[in-house]
Structure formats: structure tokens, C-alpha cells
Amino acid sequence: MRRSISTDFFDNPDREREPAAVEPPWWHPLRSDSGPWVARLFHRLLALIFLCAWVSLGVQVRVLIGARGLLPVEDVFAAARADPASLTFADFPTLLWLTHNDAALVMGTFIGAALAVLAAAGIRTRLCFALSTILYLSYATACRLFLSFQWDNLLLECGFLAVFLPADQPKPAIHFLFRALLFKLYFESGIAKGQSPLHDWWDGSAMTYYYETAPLPTPLAWTAHYLPLWWHHLESRATLALELVVPLGIFGPRRIRWATAIALTIFQIVNAATANYGFFCYLALALNVFLLDDPAREREQQALIPAPAQWRGLLGGAFAAAVVFVSLIEALFHFTDPGPVLAPFSRLIDVAQRVRIVNTYHLFGAITRERIEPEFQTLEAGHDAGDENAWRAQDLRFKPGDPNRQPPIVAPHQPRVDFQLWFHGLSFQHRPPSYVAVLQERMCEDGPAVQSLFRFPLPPHPAAVRVVYWRYHFTTPDQAQTQPTTKTWWRRERVAAAAPVTCPHATP
């Protein structure tokens, strides 16, 4: 039977006792009451989040970047083959240079999901995280704007750090980096809110719009929107305090850390209850485990573990310092005018932004004050395009669409096209992004390729497709209950309509 460290020592009283690790005071940056138990817990949570991310991506990867998708990745590689100097692996870091047909795209997501399952089972966990992070970066690069969200970056940064997080021994430097990441996530977002050109977080108005204009609200958002005005003003200013002041407790003594963990947990529960942000809220919650302590028994055993060799401690400290340094430089580039002092680091920032393992976070710097939703409409052959009644709306699965439709709960799945179209609605007066034009072409000529995006079957041979833009508001409590069993969630008004796209092969 294998003996514990403490038993082995007392069974060998003549053995020279090795020096035990000395715990620094609470204010020391590398002080950590979290250890192997916390690491194991985080490994399991991160593995489950990776699994959600891979499954969510797997069900939509073909419509995103497949051969018949909205942004075919083959187009990128075709351009690179035509002019090899125009794009290199360093510019476009993805394993899909090797193969990128539809079967390979789907198989890669299956491999990612399998790696997540192995990591959750504790099988070669750190190796699985290394491979999964490299693979997820490959898809994030290839999917371009569809995987350009800050929580995609957060998952990559967590996966990268998890490679260096052992589950069988204390590693204060890596635990510090995870706490620093948690601090960065909130504090930088707080800075972004404080710098909002609308000053909407300072004057209290931000949360009066937030629930109604969030990209994919949940049903509870309707209720939250109609909380008293004074409450929304309190929420807005409290959010600034929660992101700029509360995160300082991440590096405090035990009781302050626990209080910080409770506050941040409540914050993310409210976020998850009122809006769909994919796996983001769950990943932010998982990072809170680094504010906890290992159980007392495990801490006692850790106290008897010999102190690591000096060179290992120096190496861990140097690694932590390097990551913090890159994070600081990135933050200065993002939140300040870099100027000549930071100019020499521009190349470093370019590399960091491509590999996305050290990132800057600036969630909800300003809250949009109106919700403009694009609606795709088709015209059957033989009908007059000038007749508004002849156009038929084709509702996307997760967008508001029909005003009587209840906002869905879809997280941790993130429907990438639906989410991205929210950004298009914010700038609908400008030229639409290329994927919107491609989507209309697919609706004309290849409906099955994009059918998964829509609630109901698309017409096989429409005469034309167009996009109509609507301004949405939540109904008031008096307007909502029009019938005893039916609730109207939205009221809307038409804002604009883009010029129709005539389908070239429409049936006369």
C-alpha cells in the first residue's frame, strides 16, 4: 500500500527531513490557499465548458465556414494558393491548412469534444487541454468574425493556462495567473464602461436599455426591463463598483476573497438568467474557484511537500511575470493612446492578437439604446415585388422575429449567425457584411445549405430575397397580455428595407 508523505516521514525517523514549502503572507502576490483540489475542480469545469463549446460549434460549423456556408474557409486558402506571399500560417494560424473539407470540419469538432470528455474523466488532462486549445484556435481563426467574441478568447486563455496547472501539487504562480485573469476580466470591463462616450454607466441610464437591447435576451429579461427606474440606475452604478472595486478582493485575505466570490457569482447568475451569452457566464463562474481554498486536510499535506527547486520557482515566477507584462501592454494599447513609448511593442501585440492566449476584455463598454433586427423575406415566383403583402418573413431560430414568440433560452449553445446579426442591426445603414449577402444568395439558390438557421422550411425556388429592418421594443405590461393564453413579447415598427436580390434561377 502506498504511504502518504506524513506517514512515510514518521515511519522513517532517521531520514533527514526535507524543507517544507513556506507559505508567504496573505498580501504576497503568489500567496495561494488554493492548490491541487481547486485545480482538479477547475479542470473538470473547464472540460465541461470545452465540451459545450465544441458541441455548439459542431452543429453549425458547416453553415459557418463549410463549402456551402456563409464564409467558406476554402475561399481563404484558394486566395493563399493563388498568391502564397499574401497569407502565411503566421498570419492565419490554423490546422485547417492541412485539410478543410466539410467532413474534416465536422470531424475536428468531434475530436475536440472527445478531448473534453477525456479531460473531464481525468485522463491526460493537461495534454487534452493543450490539444483542445490548439484545435479551438484553429477553428476560431478559420471562422473569423463568427468566433471573434471575447468569451472565445477567454476560453483560449483559460485553456492555455490550464496546460501549466497541475492537479497533484501546488503551483502558486499558475494559480496567481488564473486569479489575475479573473481580475483582468472584470477590471478591464469596468474601465471600458467608465470610458463609455455615452457616460451611460455613470449617469445610471445603461441598465434602463440593457435588458431590451441585449443580443439574445431570455424571458426573464422582459420582467427585469420593467423594474423601477431607480433600480436600473442603482444597477448601472453598482456594476461599475462591482467591476472596478470588488475585483481588488481577488488578491485579499480569505474572508474578502470569499465575499468577492459570492458577489461575482451573483453577478454572473443574473447575467445568465437574463441573456444568452453562450458559455461565457459559466466560464466566468468557473474561474471563481480560484478564490476558494483547498480543504484543510489537503492543505496540511501540502505543507509537508518539499519546497520546489529554486530554479523551478524562478521559472514559474518568470512565466507569470511574462504573462502579466503582455496583459499590461495589451491593456495600455487598448485603453490609452499608445504613443511612441509603446510603439516598440506593436509587433508583440499583433502576435498576441493572432494567437489569442493573452487577451484584453472590454465587455459592454456602452449599451446600445435601440434594437434593430434584420428580417429575411422571400417572394414567391409570379408575385409582384411591389406588393408588400406578397413578401413572406423567414424567421431565424433564435432571433425575436414574430412579436408573439417568447425569447428563447439557448445557452450554453451560441447560435453564431443569430448573434452576429445583432451587430449588423446596429449598423444597418452601412453596407451589409459579406455573410449577409451570401445568406441571401443561399436562400435563392441553395436553401438546404442554410435551412438549419430558420424555423420553418424555406421555399425551394423564390423569385427574390430581401432584408427588412425593424425596431423592436418590449411590450408594456398592459400590452403584453392581449389574450388569456397568449402573451405578446415585442412591439415593432419598420425602419427600412434593403433592395431585393433577384434570384437568377427563379421558376417563372
Protein backbone atom coordinates (compact mmCIF):
# COMPACT_ATOMS: atom_id res chain seq x y z
CA MET A 1 0.00 0.00 0.00
CA ARG A 2 1.28 3.45 -0.94
CA ARG A 3 2.02 5.57 2.13
CA SER A 4 1.24 9.25 2.44
CA ILE A 5 4.02 11.76 2.86
CA SER A 6 3.32 12.27 6.55
CA THR A 7 3.22 8.51 7.28
CA ASP A 8 6.41 7.96 5.33
CA PHE A 9 8.20 10.56 7.44
CA PHE A 10 7.17 9.13 10.78
CA ASP A 11 7.96 5.60 9.62
CA ASN A 12 11.48 6.75 8.82
CA PRO A 13 12.52 8.89 11.82
CA ASP A 14 16.20 8.75 10.89
CA ARG A 15 15.57 10.27 7.46
CA GLU A 16 16.68 13.84 7.16
CA ARG A 17 13.59 15.98 6.86
CA GLU A 18 13.46 17.99 3.66
CA PRO A 19 12.50 21.63 3.96
CA ALA A 20 8.75 22.14 3.60
CA ALA A 21 7.28 24.79 1.42
CA VAL A 22 6.88 28.04 3.30
CA GLU A 23 3.58 29.86 2.74
CA PRO A 24 4.07 33.60 2.15
CA PRO A 25 1.90 36.21 3.94
CA TRP A 26 -1.60 36.88 2.56
CA TRP A 27 -0.54 40.08 0.79
CA HIS A 28 2.19 38.35 -1.22
CA PRO A 29 1.15 38.12 -4.92
CA LEU A 30 1.92 34.40 -5.10
CA ARG A 31 0.15 33.54 -1.85
CA SER A 32 -2.37 30.80 -2.61
CA ASP A 33 -4.64 28.79 -0.37
CA SER A 34 -5.90 27.08 -3.50
CA GLY A 35 -4.00 24.03 -4.61
CA PRO A 36 -4.48 20.60 -6.18
CA TRP A 37 -8.11 20.23 -5.06
CA VAL A 38 -9.07 23.55 -6.66
CA ALA A 39 -7.03 22.65 -9.74
CA ARG A 40 -8.88 19.35 -10.14
CA LEU A 41 -12.23 21.08 -9.73
CA PHE A 42 -11.35 23.69 -12.32
CA HIS A 43 -10.09 21.03 -14.72
CA ARG A 44 -13.49 19.32 -14.61
CA LEU A 45 -15.41 22.56 -15.05
CA LEU A 46 -13.22 23.75 -17.90
CA ALA A 47 -13.53 20.37 -19.62
CA LEU A 48 -17.33 20.58 -19.48
CA ILE A 49 -17.26 24.11 -20.89
CA PHE A 50 -14.94 22.99 -23.69
CA LEU A 51 -17.41 20.18 -24.39
CA CYS A 52 -20.29 22.68 -24.65
CA ALA A 53 -18.23 24.90 -26.92
CA TRP A 54 -17.31 22.03 -29.24
CA VAL A 55 -20.84 20.63 -29.46
CA SER A 56 -22.25 24.11 -30.10
CA LEU A 57 -19.71 24.73 -32.86
CA GLY A 58 -20.11 21.25 -34.33
CA VAL A 59 -23.81 21.65 -35.12
CA GLN A 60 -23.21 24.84 -37.10
CA VAL A 61 -19.66 24.68 -38.47
CA ARG A 62 -20.74 23.73 -41.98
CA VAL A 63 -23.17 26.62 -42.31
CA LEU A 64 -20.49 28.97 -40.98
CA ILE A 65 -17.38 28.04 -42.99
CA GLY A 66 -18.24 24.90 -44.98
CA ALA A 67 -18.14 24.71 -48.77
CA ARG A 68 -21.77 25.90 -48.93
CA GLY A 69 -21.52 28.05 -45.82
CA LEU A 70 -21.64 31.79 -45.29
CA LEU A 71 -17.88 32.38 -45.05
CA PRO A 72 -16.33 29.34 -46.78
CA VAL A 73 -12.84 28.86 -45.44
CA GLU A 74 -11.85 27.37 -48.79
CA ASP A 75 -12.02 30.89 -50.24
CA VAL A 76 -9.24 31.96 -47.88
CA PHE A 77 -6.99 29.06 -48.80
CA ALA A 78 -7.74 29.45 -52.51
CA ALA A 79 -6.53 33.05 -52.33
CA ALA A 80 -3.43 31.90 -50.45
CA ARG A 81 -2.67 29.29 -53.13
CA ALA A 82 -3.04 31.91 -55.83
CA ASP A 83 -0.62 34.23 -54.06
CA PRO A 84 1.43 32.36 -51.42
CA ALA A 85 3.01 35.58 -50.19
CA SER A 86 -0.38 37.10 -49.33
CA LEU A 87 -1.16 34.77 -46.43
CA THR A 88 1.01 32.52 -44.28
CA PHE A 89 0.44 30.25 -41.32
CA ALA A 90 1.73 33.03 -39.05
CA ASP A 91 -0.99 35.32 -40.39
CA PHE A 92 -3.71 32.67 -40.25
CA PRO A 93 -2.76 30.14 -37.53
CA THR A 94 -4.99 27.12 -38.09
CA LEU A 95 -4.54 23.39 -38.57
CA LEU A 96 -7.13 23.61 -41.34
CA TRP A 97 -4.27 24.39 -43.72
CA LEU A 98 -3.89 20.59 -43.78
CA THR A 99 -7.48 19.81 -44.77
CA HIS A 100 -10.73 21.73 -44.59
CA ASN A 101 -13.46 19.88 -46.46
CA ASP A 102 -16.82 19.61 -44.74
CA ALA A 103 -16.12 16.14 -43.38
CA ALA A 104 -12.85 17.35 -41.84
CA LEU A 105 -14.55 20.40 -40.32
CA VAL A 106 -17.13 18.23 -38.58
CA MET A 107 -14.59 15.59 -37.57
CA GLY A 108 -12.41 18.23 -35.94
CA THR A 109 -15.27 19.26 -33.66
CA PHE A 110 -15.81 15.60 -32.73
CA ILE A 111 -12.12 15.35 -31.83
CA GLY A 112 -12.41 18.49 -29.72
CA ALA A 113 -15.43 17.07 -27.91
CA ALA A 114 -13.59 13.77 -27.32
CA LEU A 115 -10.61 15.65 -25.83
CA ALA A 116 -13.00 17.48 -23.50
CA VAL A 117 -14.55 14.18 -22.36
CA LEU A 118 -11.09 12.72 -21.68
CA ALA A 119 -10.11 15.81 -19.70
CA ALA A 120 -13.33 15.62 -17.67
CA ALA A 121 -12.50 11.99 -16.89
CA GLY A 122 -9.04 12.99 -15.67
CA ILE A 123 -7.19 11.21 -18.47
CA ARG A 124 -4.05 13.11 -19.51
CA THR A 125 -5.89 16.28 -18.62
CA ARG A 126 -3.21 18.85 -19.38
CA LEU A 127 -2.32 17.25 -22.69
CA CYS A 128 -6.01 17.24 -23.64
CA PHE A 129 -6.25 20.95 -22.81
CA ALA A 130 -3.15 21.67 -24.90
CA LEU A 131 -4.57 19.86 -27.92
CA SER A 132 -8.07 21.26 -27.45
CA THR A 133 -6.75 24.82 -27.18
CA ILE A 134 -4.68 24.48 -30.34
CA LEU A 135 -7.66 22.98 -32.15
CA TYR A 136 -10.08 25.65 -30.90
CA LEU A 137 -7.67 28.37 -32.01
CA SER A 138 -7.65 26.72 -35.44
CA TYR A 139 -11.45 26.99 -35.67
CA ALA A 140 -11.55 30.47 -34.14
CA THR A 141 -9.11 31.63 -36.81
CA ALA A 142 -10.93 29.90 -39.66
CA CYS A 143 -14.40 31.07 -38.57
CA ARG A 144 -13.19 34.66 -38.39
CA LEU A 145 -15.94 37.01 -37.15
CA PHE A 146 -18.21 34.13 -36.13
CA LEU A 147 -15.74 33.12 -33.39
CA SER A 148 -14.43 36.59 -32.62
CA PHE A 149 -16.24 37.04 -29.31
CA GLN A 150 -14.41 37.84 -26.11
CA TRP A 151 -15.56 34.61 -24.48
CA ASP A 152 -13.88 32.67 -27.28
CA ASN A 153 -10.68 34.48 -26.33
CA LEU A 154 -11.35 33.78 -22.65
CA LEU A 155 -11.73 30.06 -23.36
CA LEU A 156 -8.44 30.03 -25.27
CA GLU A 157 -6.66 31.89 -22.46
CA CYS A 158 -8.05 29.51 -19.84
CA GLY A 159 -7.09 26.50 -21.96
CA PHE A 160 -3.57 27.82 -22.36
CA LEU A 161 -3.08 28.42 -18.64
CA ALA A 162 -4.67 25.05 -17.79
CA VAL A 163 -1.82 23.33 -19.64
CA PHE A 164 0.50 24.54 -16.84
CA LEU A 165 -1.91 23.78 -13.98
CA PRO A 166 -1.02 20.51 -12.21
CA ALA A 167 -3.63 18.62 -10.25
CA ASP A 168 -1.21 16.81 -7.94
CA GLN A 169 0.87 19.60 -6.40
CA PRO A 170 0.62 23.28 -5.50
CA LYS A 171 1.58 25.71 -8.24
CA PRO A 172 1.22 29.21 -6.78
CA ALA A 173 2.41 31.05 -9.90
CA ILE A 174 -0.24 29.44 -12.13
CA HIS A 175 -2.98 29.90 -9.54
CA PHE A 176 -1.96 33.55 -9.37
CA LEU A 177 -2.29 33.84 -13.16
CA PHE A 178 -5.83 32.47 -13.04
CA ARG A 179 -6.73 34.97 -10.34
CA ALA A 180 -5.08 37.69 -12.41
CA LEU A 181 -7.18 36.59 -15.39
CA LEU A 182 -10.34 36.83 -13.28
CA PHE A 183 -9.28 40.29 -12.13
CA LYS A 184 -8.50 41.34 -15.71
CA LEU A 185 -11.86 40.12 -17.00
CA TYR A 186 -13.81 42.36 -14.61
CA PHE A 187 -11.48 45.30 -14.06
CA GLU A 188 -10.81 45.92 -17.76
CA SER A 189 -14.53 45.65 -18.49
CA GLY A 190 -15.09 48.22 -15.75
CA ILE A 191 -12.53 50.55 -17.35
CA ALA A 192 -14.31 50.17 -20.70
CA LYS A 193 -17.63 51.10 -19.07
CA GLY A 194 -16.05 54.05 -17.35
CA GLN A 195 -14.71 55.28 -20.70
CA SER A 196 -18.08 54.97 -22.46
CA PRO A 197 -18.62 58.05 -24.65
CA LEU A 198 -22.28 57.99 -23.61
CA HIS A 199 -21.37 58.15 -19.89
CA ASP A 200 -24.34 55.80 -19.52
CA TRP A 201 -22.87 53.78 -16.66
CA TRP A 202 -22.02 56.90 -14.67
CA ASP A 203 -25.41 58.58 -15.14
CA GLY A 204 -27.28 55.34 -14.39
CA SER A 205 -29.04 55.00 -17.73
CA ALA A 206 -27.19 51.94 -19.09
CA MET A 207 -29.36 49.32 -17.41
CA THR A 208 -32.58 51.05 -18.47
CA TYR A 209 -31.76 49.85 -22.00
CA TYR A 210 -29.68 46.72 -21.40
CA TYR A 211 -32.36 44.05 -20.92
CA GLU A 212 -34.31 45.14 -24.01
CA THR A 213 -31.31 45.50 -26.32
CA ALA A 214 -29.16 42.51 -25.26
CA PRO A 215 -28.27 40.37 -28.30
CA LEU A 216 -30.33 37.33 -27.27
CA PRO A 217 -32.46 38.07 -24.19
CA THR A 218 -34.23 35.39 -22.14
CA PRO A 219 -37.88 35.58 -21.00
CA LEU A 220 -36.76 36.98 -17.63
CA ALA A 221 -35.29 40.00 -19.41
CA TRP A 222 -38.83 41.25 -20.10
CA THR A 223 -39.58 41.27 -16.35
CA ALA A 224 -36.23 42.83 -15.49
CA HIS A 225 -36.76 45.60 -18.02
CA TYR A 226 -39.82 46.82 -16.11
CA LEU A 227 -38.17 47.02 -12.71
CA PRO A 228 -38.32 50.56 -11.23
CA LEU A 229 -36.19 53.25 -12.82
CA TRP A 230 -34.35 53.88 -9.57
CA TRP A 231 -33.34 50.22 -9.50
CA HIS A 232 -31.86 50.41 -13.02
CA HIS A 233 -29.86 53.47 -12.04
CA LEU A 234 -28.63 51.63 -8.97
CA GLU A 235 -27.73 48.59 -11.10
CA SER A 236 -25.72 50.72 -13.52
CA ARG A 237 -23.60 52.35 -10.85
CA ALA A 238 -23.34 49.13 -8.84
CA THR A 239 -21.94 47.40 -11.93
CA LEU A 240 -19.13 49.96 -12.04
CA ALA A 241 -18.38 49.29 -8.39
CA LEU A 242 -18.57 45.55 -8.89
CA GLU A 243 -16.09 45.64 -11.76
CA LEU A 244 -13.71 48.36 -10.57
CA VAL A 245 -13.68 47.87 -6.79
CA VAL A 246 -14.85 44.35 -5.91
CA PRO A 247 -12.17 42.60 -8.04
CA LEU A 248 -9.49 44.06 -5.76
CA GLY A 249 -10.70 41.47 -3.23
CA ILE A 250 -9.42 38.71 -5.53
CA PHE A 251 -5.98 39.27 -4.02
CA GLY A 252 -7.18 39.83 -0.46
CA PRO A 253 -7.21 37.54 2.59
CA ARG A 254 -9.55 34.57 2.80
CA ARG A 255 -12.76 36.22 4.01
CA ILE A 256 -12.50 39.02 1.47
CA ARG A 257 -11.83 36.51 -1.32
CA TRP A 258 -14.90 34.52 -0.34
CA ALA A 259 -17.04 37.65 -0.26
CA THR A 260 -15.67 38.56 -3.69
CA ALA A 261 -16.52 35.10 -5.00
CA ILE A 262 -20.11 35.44 -3.73
CA ALA A 263 -20.54 38.88 -5.34
CA LEU A 264 -19.13 37.78 -8.71
CA THR A 265 -21.20 34.59 -8.64
CA ILE A 266 -24.44 36.51 -8.10
CA PHE A 267 -23.44 38.88 -10.91
CA GLN A 268 -22.98 36.06 -13.41
CA ILE A 269 -26.15 34.27 -12.33
CA VAL A 270 -28.10 37.45 -13.13
CA ASN A 271 -26.32 37.68 -16.48
CA ALA A 272 -27.13 34.07 -17.35
CA ALA A 273 -30.76 34.44 -16.24
CA THR A 274 -31.49 37.48 -18.42
CA ALA A 275 -29.45 36.94 -21.61
CA ASN A 276 -27.87 34.15 -23.66
CA TYR A 277 -24.11 34.56 -23.88
CA GLY A 278 -23.14 31.04 -24.89
CA PHE A 279 -20.72 29.52 -22.42
CA PHE A 280 -19.38 32.86 -21.15
CA CYS A 281 -21.24 33.10 -17.84
CA TYR A 282 -20.35 29.51 -16.96
CA LEU A 283 -16.67 30.05 -17.75
CA ALA A 284 -16.60 33.23 -15.66
CA LEU A 285 -18.21 31.30 -12.80
CA ALA A 286 -15.65 28.51 -13.15
CA LEU A 287 -12.81 31.00 -12.63
CA ASN A 288 -14.27 31.84 -9.22
CA VAL A 289 -12.98 28.53 -7.85
CA PHE A 290 -9.52 30.10 -7.61
CA LEU A 291 -10.89 32.30 -4.83
CA LEU A 292 -11.56 29.20 -2.75
CA ASP A 293 -9.23 27.20 -0.51
CA ASP A 294 -8.28 23.59 -0.67
CA PRO A 295 -9.85 21.54 2.16
CA ALA A 296 -7.89 21.72 5.44
CA ARG A 297 -6.64 18.13 5.17
CA GLU A 298 -5.18 18.76 1.72
CA ARG A 299 -3.52 21.96 2.91
CA GLU A 300 -1.90 20.04 5.76
CA GLN A 301 -0.49 17.51 3.32
CA GLN A 302 0.72 20.27 1.03
CA ALA A 303 2.61 21.83 3.94
CA LEU A 304 4.73 18.67 4.11
CA ILE A 305 5.56 18.66 0.41
CA PRO A 306 9.21 19.62 -0.08
CA ALA A 307 9.80 23.09 -1.42
CA PRO A 308 10.45 23.03 -5.18
CA ALA A 309 13.92 23.50 -6.52
CA GLN A 310 14.88 27.15 -6.66
CA TRP A 311 15.20 27.13 -10.46
CA ARG A 312 11.64 25.84 -10.79
CA GLY A 313 10.30 28.60 -8.61
CA LEU A 314 12.22 31.18 -10.62
CA LEU A 315 10.94 29.69 -13.87
CA GLY A 316 7.32 29.81 -12.65
CA GLY A 317 7.74 33.38 -11.47
CA ALA A 318 9.30 34.41 -14.79
CA PHE A 319 6.44 32.83 -16.71
CA ALA A 320 3.86 34.62 -14.56
CA ALA A 321 5.70 37.91 -14.97
CA ALA A 322 5.81 37.48 -18.76
CA VAL A 323 2.06 36.84 -18.99
CA VAL A 324 1.27 39.80 -16.74
CA PHE A 325 3.60 42.00 -18.78
CA VAL A 326 1.90 41.13 -22.09
CA SER A 327 -1.51 41.66 -20.47
CA LEU A 328 -0.45 45.08 -19.22
CA ILE A 329 0.94 46.15 -22.61
CA GLU A 330 -2.23 44.98 -24.34
CA ALA A 331 -4.38 46.89 -21.88
CA LEU A 332 -2.35 50.07 -22.41
CA PHE A 333 -2.74 49.71 -26.18
CA HIS A 334 -6.48 49.25 -25.83
CA PHE A 335 -7.40 51.77 -23.15
CA THR A 336 -4.86 54.54 -23.78
CA ASP A 337 -3.17 56.31 -26.66
CA PRO A 338 -0.10 54.07 -27.12
CA GLY A 339 2.20 56.84 -28.28
CA PRO A 340 5.91 56.43 -29.03
CA VAL A 341 6.69 54.76 -25.71
CA LEU A 342 4.60 51.69 -26.57
CA ALA A 343 5.32 51.68 -30.30
CA PRO A 344 8.16 49.12 -29.99
CA PHE A 345 5.64 46.61 -28.59
CA SER A 346 3.22 46.80 -31.53
CA ARG A 347 4.64 43.63 -33.06
CA LEU A 348 4.17 41.81 -29.75
CA ILE A 349 0.52 42.90 -29.67
CA ASP A 350 -0.03 41.74 -33.25
CA VAL A 351 1.24 38.28 -32.38
CA ALA A 352 -0.80 38.15 -29.16
CA GLN A 353 -3.96 39.06 -31.03
CA ARG A 354 -3.42 36.31 -33.57
CA VAL A 355 -2.74 33.50 -31.09
CA ARG A 356 -5.33 34.85 -28.59
CA ILE A 357 -3.84 33.27 -25.45
CA VAL A 358 -3.32 36.60 -23.67
CA ASN A 359 -6.21 39.00 -24.21
CA THR A 360 -7.87 42.24 -23.23
CA TYR A 361 -11.53 42.25 -22.11
CA HIS A 362 -13.96 45.13 -22.51
CA LEU A 363 -17.45 43.72 -22.19
CA PHE A 364 -20.37 46.13 -22.69
CA GLY A 365 -18.37 49.33 -22.74
CA ALA A 366 -21.53 51.12 -23.88
CA ILE A 367 -25.11 49.90 -24.09
CA THR A 368 -26.93 50.38 -27.39
CA ARG A 369 -30.18 52.30 -26.98
CA GLU A 370 -32.25 50.67 -29.68
CA ARG A 371 -32.77 47.20 -31.03
CA ILE A 372 -32.78 46.95 -34.82
CA GLU A 373 -33.50 43.45 -36.08
CA PRO A 374 -32.88 42.34 -39.67
CA GLU A 375 -35.63 40.09 -41.04
CA PHE A 376 -35.12 37.98 -44.16
CA GLN A 377 -38.09 37.81 -46.50
CA THR A 378 -38.77 35.82 -49.67
CA LEU A 379 -41.02 36.49 -52.65
CA GLU A 380 -42.70 33.60 -54.42
CA ALA A 381 -42.45 33.38 -58.20
CA GLY A 382 -45.24 35.15 -60.06
CA HIS A 383 -45.83 37.74 -57.36
CA ASP A 384 -45.25 41.48 -57.65
CA ALA A 385 -42.25 42.73 -55.67
CA GLY A 386 -44.09 45.99 -55.10
CA ASP A 387 -46.86 44.23 -53.20
CA GLU A 388 -45.82 44.25 -49.53
CA ASN A 389 -48.30 41.51 -48.71
CA ALA A 390 -46.58 39.15 -51.15
CA TRP A 391 -43.35 39.03 -49.13
CA ARG A 392 -43.08 36.22 -46.58
CA ALA A 393 -40.95 36.55 -43.44
CA GLN A 394 -38.46 33.74 -42.80
CA ASP A 395 -37.76 33.80 -39.07
CA LEU A 396 -34.37 32.75 -37.78
CA ARG A 397 -34.46 30.18 -34.99
CA PHE A 398 -33.25 32.38 -32.15
CA LYS A 399 -33.98 35.97 -33.23
CA PRO A 400 -37.11 37.78 -31.96
CA GLY A 401 -38.98 37.55 -35.28
CA ASP A 402 -42.66 37.00 -34.50
CA PRO A 403 -43.62 39.51 -31.73
CA ASN A 404 -45.71 36.79 -30.05
CA ARG A 405 -42.76 34.44 -29.76
CA GLN A 406 -41.19 34.08 -26.31
CA PRO A 407 -37.47 34.88 -26.19
CA PRO A 408 -35.63 31.54 -26.12
CA ILE A 409 -33.18 30.09 -23.62
CA VAL A 410 -30.31 28.61 -25.64
CA ALA A 411 -27.11 28.99 -23.57
CA PRO A 412 -24.58 27.41 -23.31
CA HIS A 413 -25.18 26.94 -27.04
CA GLN A 414 -24.37 30.09 -29.01
CA PRO A 415 -26.07 30.45 -32.40
CA ARG A 416 -23.30 32.36 -34.13
CA VAL A 417 -25.22 33.74 -37.09
CA ASP A 418 -28.15 34.95 -34.99
CA PHE A 419 -25.75 36.60 -32.56
CA GLN A 420 -23.68 38.23 -35.29
CA LEU A 421 -26.77 39.64 -36.99
CA TRP A 422 -27.38 41.72 -33.85
CA PHE A 423 -24.20 43.65 -34.69
CA HIS A 424 -25.40 44.06 -38.27
CA GLY A 425 -28.61 45.62 -36.97
CA LEU A 426 -26.58 48.25 -35.12
CA SER A 427 -25.09 49.49 -38.41
CA PHE A 428 -27.79 48.58 -40.91
CA GLN A 429 -27.43 51.92 -42.71
CA HIS A 430 -24.00 50.84 -43.92
CA ARG A 431 -23.10 48.22 -46.49
CA PRO A 432 -24.06 44.80 -45.13
CA PRO A 433 -21.27 42.36 -44.27
CA SER A 434 -20.42 39.75 -46.85
CA TYR A 435 -22.06 36.88 -44.97
CA VAL A 436 -25.46 38.64 -45.21
CA ALA A 437 -25.13 38.84 -49.00
CA VAL A 438 -24.06 35.19 -49.14
CA LEU A 439 -27.00 34.18 -46.95
CA GLN A 440 -29.39 35.80 -49.40
CA GLU A 441 -27.70 34.01 -52.29
CA ARG A 442 -28.01 30.68 -50.49
CA MET A 443 -31.70 31.34 -49.81
CA CYS A 444 -32.13 31.91 -53.53
CA GLU A 445 -30.15 29.02 -54.94
CA ASP A 446 -29.33 26.55 -52.17
CA GLY A 447 -31.91 26.68 -49.40
CA PRO A 448 -30.91 23.34 -47.80
CA ALA A 449 -27.41 24.72 -47.10
CA VAL A 450 -28.81 27.37 -44.72
CA GLN A 451 -32.08 25.70 -43.67
CA SER A 452 -30.70 25.00 -40.18
CA LEU A 453 -30.75 28.74 -39.46
CA PHE A 454 -34.50 29.09 -39.98
CA ARG A 455 -37.55 27.98 -38.02
CA PHE A 456 -39.63 26.82 -40.98
CA PRO A 457 -38.82 25.30 -44.39
CA LEU A 458 -37.53 27.77 -46.94
CA PRO A 459 -39.26 27.99 -50.32
CA PRO A 460 -37.30 25.94 -52.87
CA HIS A 461 -37.30 28.49 -55.72
CA PRO A 462 -38.07 32.04 -54.53
CA ALA A 463 -38.16 34.86 -57.04
CA ALA A 464 -36.36 37.31 -54.75
CA VAL A 465 -34.96 37.75 -51.26
CA ARG A 466 -34.67 40.94 -49.23
CA VAL A 467 -33.84 42.19 -45.73
CA VAL A 468 -36.26 44.37 -43.81
CA TYR A 469 -35.16 46.15 -40.65
CA TRP A 470 -37.44 46.52 -37.62
CA ARG A 471 -37.07 48.47 -34.40
CA TYR A 472 -38.12 46.23 -31.50
CA HIS A 473 -39.28 47.18 -28.01
CA PHE A 474 -40.61 45.02 -25.24
CA THR A 475 -44.35 45.33 -24.87
CA THR A 476 -45.58 47.13 -21.79
CA PRO A 477 -47.37 45.05 -19.13
CA ASP A 478 -50.70 46.41 -20.40
CA GLN A 479 -49.91 45.48 -24.00
CA ALA A 480 -48.45 42.06 -23.30
CA GLN A 481 -51.49 40.06 -22.24
CA THR A 482 -53.80 40.54 -25.22
CA GLN A 483 -55.48 37.14 -24.69
CA PRO A 484 -55.78 34.92 -21.61
CA THR A 485 -53.39 32.28 -23.02
CA THR A 486 -51.20 34.38 -25.31
CA LYS A 487 -48.53 36.91 -24.43
CA THR A 488 -47.15 39.42 -26.89
CA TRP A 489 -43.49 39.92 -26.02
CA TRP A 490 -42.45 42.52 -28.56
CA ARG A 491 -43.86 45.52 -30.38
CA ARG A 492 -42.08 46.62 -33.51
CA GLU A 493 -42.03 49.22 -36.24
CA ARG A 494 -40.49 49.03 -39.67
CA VAL A 495 -37.35 51.14 -40.12
CA ALA A 496 -36.03 50.32 -43.60
CA ALA A 497 -35.88 47.71 -46.32
CA ALA A 498 -32.86 46.83 -48.43
CA ALA A 499 -33.15 46.48 -52.19
CA PRO A 500 -34.38 42.97 -53.15
CA VAL A 501 -31.94 40.42 -54.51
CA THR A 502 -33.43 38.82 -57.60
CA CYS A 503 -32.88 35.07 -57.66
CA PRO A 504 -31.30 34.09 -61.00
CA HIS A 505 -32.95 30.69 -61.32
CA ALA A 506 -36.42 31.52 -60.04
CA THR A 507 -39.23 29.48 -61.54
CA PRO A 508 -41.40 31.72 -63.78
